[in-house]
Amino acid sequence: MFTMPKLSLLQYALIVSAGVHLGLGTLKFVAPDQFDRLFQDTPLEVVLVNARGQEAPVKAQALAQANLAGGGEMAADLRATSPLPPSPKAETGDSTEVQHSQIQQLQVAQEQLLTRVRRELALLPPPDPQRDKGTPEAREQAERRRQLVHLLAEI
């Protein structure tokens, strides 16, 4: 018959060490918050703004270099967000010409929008503190002027 050779103390220690290391290798030490955060992507875009506000928004829609006036007070989500990075598009043929024409169309639309906002701002009567002493119309005009200036700064 076959008999097992007697193991030395060193061989027993190596077997026990290998077993302990295998057992510890199956354990995972990680902070629970960091582990859960991997499954919850919260996209937040960086937007450059020209209109500075005095207070930080309550619920920011985007990171900004300055506090965006009224940034978290919108009822609807106006900025498109995605947890995925932008995917590159491979286009062939006349894609650069199409892109240039699209850019020109967008620039024309931007100029038209700027012109319209500037025209609306110019049509508002200048604020006169002597004439307007807290009347509702004066407050509405001041609010409309403030909104148009912020829109102009954001464009």
Protein backbone atom coordinates (compact mmCIF):
# COMPACT_ATOMS: atom_id res chain seq x y z
CA MET A 1 0.00 0.00 0.00
CA PHE A 2 0.83 3.60 -0.49
CA THR A 3 1.49 5.63 2.61
CA MET A 4 1.69 9.40 2.78
CA PRO A 5 5.08 10.74 3.62
CA LYS A 6 5.31 12.60 6.88
CA LEU A 7 5.20 16.39 6.34
CA SER A 8 7.70 18.59 8.05
CA LEU A 9 6.80 21.63 10.12
CA LEU A 10 7.87 23.92 7.24
CA GLN A 11 5.52 22.14 4.82
CA TYR A 12 2.60 22.47 7.29
CA ALA A 13 3.37 26.19 7.68
CA LEU A 14 3.43 26.67 3.89
CA ILE A 15 0.08 24.87 3.48
CA VAL A 16 -1.53 26.93 6.26
CA SER A 17 -0.04 30.16 4.84
CA ALA A 18 -1.32 29.38 1.34
CA GLY A 19 -4.80 28.63 2.74
CA VAL A 20 -4.91 31.87 4.75
CA HIS A 21 -3.74 33.91 1.76
CA LEU A 22 -6.34 32.31 -0.51
CA GLY A 23 -9.04 33.01 2.08
CA LEU A 24 -8.00 36.65 2.46
CA GLY A 25 -7.77 37.03 -1.31
CA THR A 26 -11.49 36.31 -1.63
CA LEU A 27 -12.41 39.16 0.75
CA LYS A 28 -12.99 42.64 -0.61
CA PHE A 29 -12.27 45.65 1.58
CA VAL A 30 -13.91 48.81 0.21
CA ALA A 31 -15.83 51.72 1.68
CA PRO A 32 -19.57 51.13 1.09
CA ASP A 33 -20.21 54.70 -0.10
CA GLN A 34 -17.48 54.55 -2.71
CA PHE A 35 -18.66 51.17 -3.95
CA ASP A 36 -22.29 52.34 -4.36
CA ARG A 37 -21.14 55.54 -6.08
CA LEU A 38 -19.78 53.48 -8.98
CA PHE A 39 -23.33 52.46 -9.90
CA GLN A 40 -24.88 55.92 -9.59
CA ASP A 41 -23.65 58.27 -12.29
CA THR A 42 -24.69 61.85 -11.74
CA PRO A 43 -23.66 63.87 -14.80
CA LEU A 44 -22.87 67.52 -14.21
CA GLU A 45 -21.68 69.63 -17.11
CA VAL A 46 -19.35 72.60 -16.89
CA VAL A 47 -20.85 75.74 -18.42
CA LEU A 48 -19.08 79.08 -18.80
CA VAL A 49 -21.37 81.90 -17.74
CA ASN A 50 -21.11 85.65 -18.01
CA ALA A 51 -23.89 86.58 -15.59
CA ARG A 52 -22.64 86.50 -12.02
CA GLY A 53 -25.09 86.01 -9.16
CA GLN A 54 -24.63 86.83 -5.49
CA GLU A 55 -25.90 83.50 -4.16
CA ALA A 56 -25.12 79.96 -5.19
CA PRO A 57 -28.13 78.12 -6.66
CA VAL A 58 -29.94 75.66 -4.40
CA LYS A 59 -29.90 72.83 -6.94
CA ALA A 60 -27.20 73.47 -9.52
CA GLN A 61 -27.76 72.15 -13.03
CA ALA A 62 -24.15 72.70 -14.03
CA LEU A 63 -20.79 73.70 -12.59
CA ALA A 64 -19.78 77.21 -13.48
CA GLN A 65 -16.89 79.58 -12.93
CA ALA A 66 -19.33 82.00 -11.29
CA ASN A 67 -22.64 81.47 -9.54
CA LEU A 68 -25.21 81.40 -12.32
CA ALA A 69 -28.00 83.77 -11.40
CA GLY A 70 -31.13 81.64 -10.98
CA GLY A 71 -29.25 78.48 -11.98
CA GLY A 72 -31.14 76.06 -9.77
CA GLU A 73 -34.55 77.69 -9.79
CA MET A 74 -35.87 76.29 -13.08
CA ALA A 75 -38.83 73.93 -12.92
CA ALA A 76 -37.82 71.92 -15.99
CA ASP A 77 -34.46 70.40 -16.82
CA LEU A 78 -33.30 72.58 -19.68
CA ARG A 79 -29.82 71.14 -20.20
CA ALA A 80 -29.41 67.71 -21.73
CA THR A 81 -27.19 65.44 -19.66
CA SER A 82 -25.90 61.93 -20.14
CA PRO A 83 -23.77 59.69 -17.93
CA LEU A 84 -21.89 58.55 -21.03
CA PRO A 85 -19.00 60.40 -22.63
CA PRO A 86 -19.56 61.76 -26.13
CA SER A 87 -19.01 59.06 -28.71
CA PRO A 88 -16.89 59.90 -31.74
CA LYS A 89 -18.68 59.81 -35.07
CA ALA A 90 -16.92 58.60 -38.17
CA GLU A 91 -18.26 60.47 -41.18
CA THR A 92 -17.04 60.26 -44.72
CA GLY A 93 -17.58 62.32 -47.83
CA ASP A 94 -18.81 65.89 -47.54
CA SER A 95 -19.06 65.87 -43.74
CA THR A 96 -16.77 68.87 -43.24
CA GLU A 97 -18.75 70.95 -45.73
CA VAL A 98 -21.99 69.96 -44.02
CA GLN A 99 -20.53 70.85 -40.64
CA HIS A 100 -19.34 74.22 -41.88
CA SER A 101 -22.77 75.01 -43.30
CA GLN A 102 -24.41 73.92 -40.02
CA ILE A 103 -22.01 76.12 -38.07
CA GLN A 104 -22.82 79.07 -40.33
CA GLN A 105 -26.56 78.46 -39.88
CA LEU A 106 -26.13 78.33 -36.11
CA GLN A 107 -24.08 81.53 -36.14
CA VAL A 108 -26.79 83.27 -38.19
CA ALA A 109 -29.46 82.04 -35.76
CA GLN A 110 -27.35 83.26 -32.83
CA GLU A 111 -26.95 86.69 -34.40
CA GLN A 112 -30.71 86.89 -35.06
CA LEU A 113 -31.42 85.96 -31.44
CA LEU A 114 -28.92 88.54 -30.19
CA THR A 115 -30.48 91.19 -32.42
CA ARG A 116 -33.98 90.34 -31.19
CA VAL A 117 -32.94 90.48 -27.52
CA ARG A 118 -31.05 93.76 -28.04
CA ARG A 119 -34.09 95.23 -29.83
CA GLU A 120 -36.42 94.18 -26.99
CA LEU A 121 -33.99 95.66 -24.48
CA ALA A 122 -33.80 98.93 -26.44
CA LEU A 123 -37.62 99.17 -26.64
CA LEU A 124 -37.94 99.11 -22.86
CA PRO A 125 -38.16 102.63 -21.43
CA PRO A 126 -35.13 103.64 -19.36
CA PRO A 127 -35.63 103.26 -15.61
CA ASP A 128 -36.59 106.53 -13.92
CA PRO A 129 -36.61 106.40 -10.10
CA GLN A 130 -38.47 109.71 -9.88
CA ARG A 131 -41.33 108.55 -12.08
CA ASP A 132 -41.45 104.91 -10.94
CA LYS A 133 -41.82 104.72 -7.21
CA GLY A 134 -42.60 101.05 -6.59
CA THR A 135 -45.43 100.73 -9.08
CA PRO A 136 -46.16 97.20 -10.34
CA GLU A 137 -45.44 98.25 -13.93
CA ALA A 138 -42.02 99.57 -12.92
CA ARG A 139 -41.21 96.33 -11.11
CA GLU A 140 -42.29 94.30 -14.13
CA GLN A 141 -40.15 96.42 -16.44
CA ALA A 142 -37.15 96.14 -14.11
CA GLU A 143 -37.58 92.36 -13.91
CA ARG A 144 -37.96 92.10 -17.70
CA ARG A 145 -34.83 94.24 -18.17
CA ARG A 146 -32.90 92.03 -15.74
CA GLN A 147 -34.04 88.86 -17.54
CA LEU A 148 -33.08 90.24 -20.96
CA VAL A 149 -29.64 91.32 -19.71
CA HIS A 150 -29.02 87.85 -18.26
CA LEU A 151 -30.22 86.21 -21.49
CA LEU A 152 -27.92 88.47 -23.48
CA ALA A 153 -25.00 87.58 -21.20
CA GLU A 154 -25.67 83.85 -21.51
CA ILE A 155 -25.87 83.95 -25.31
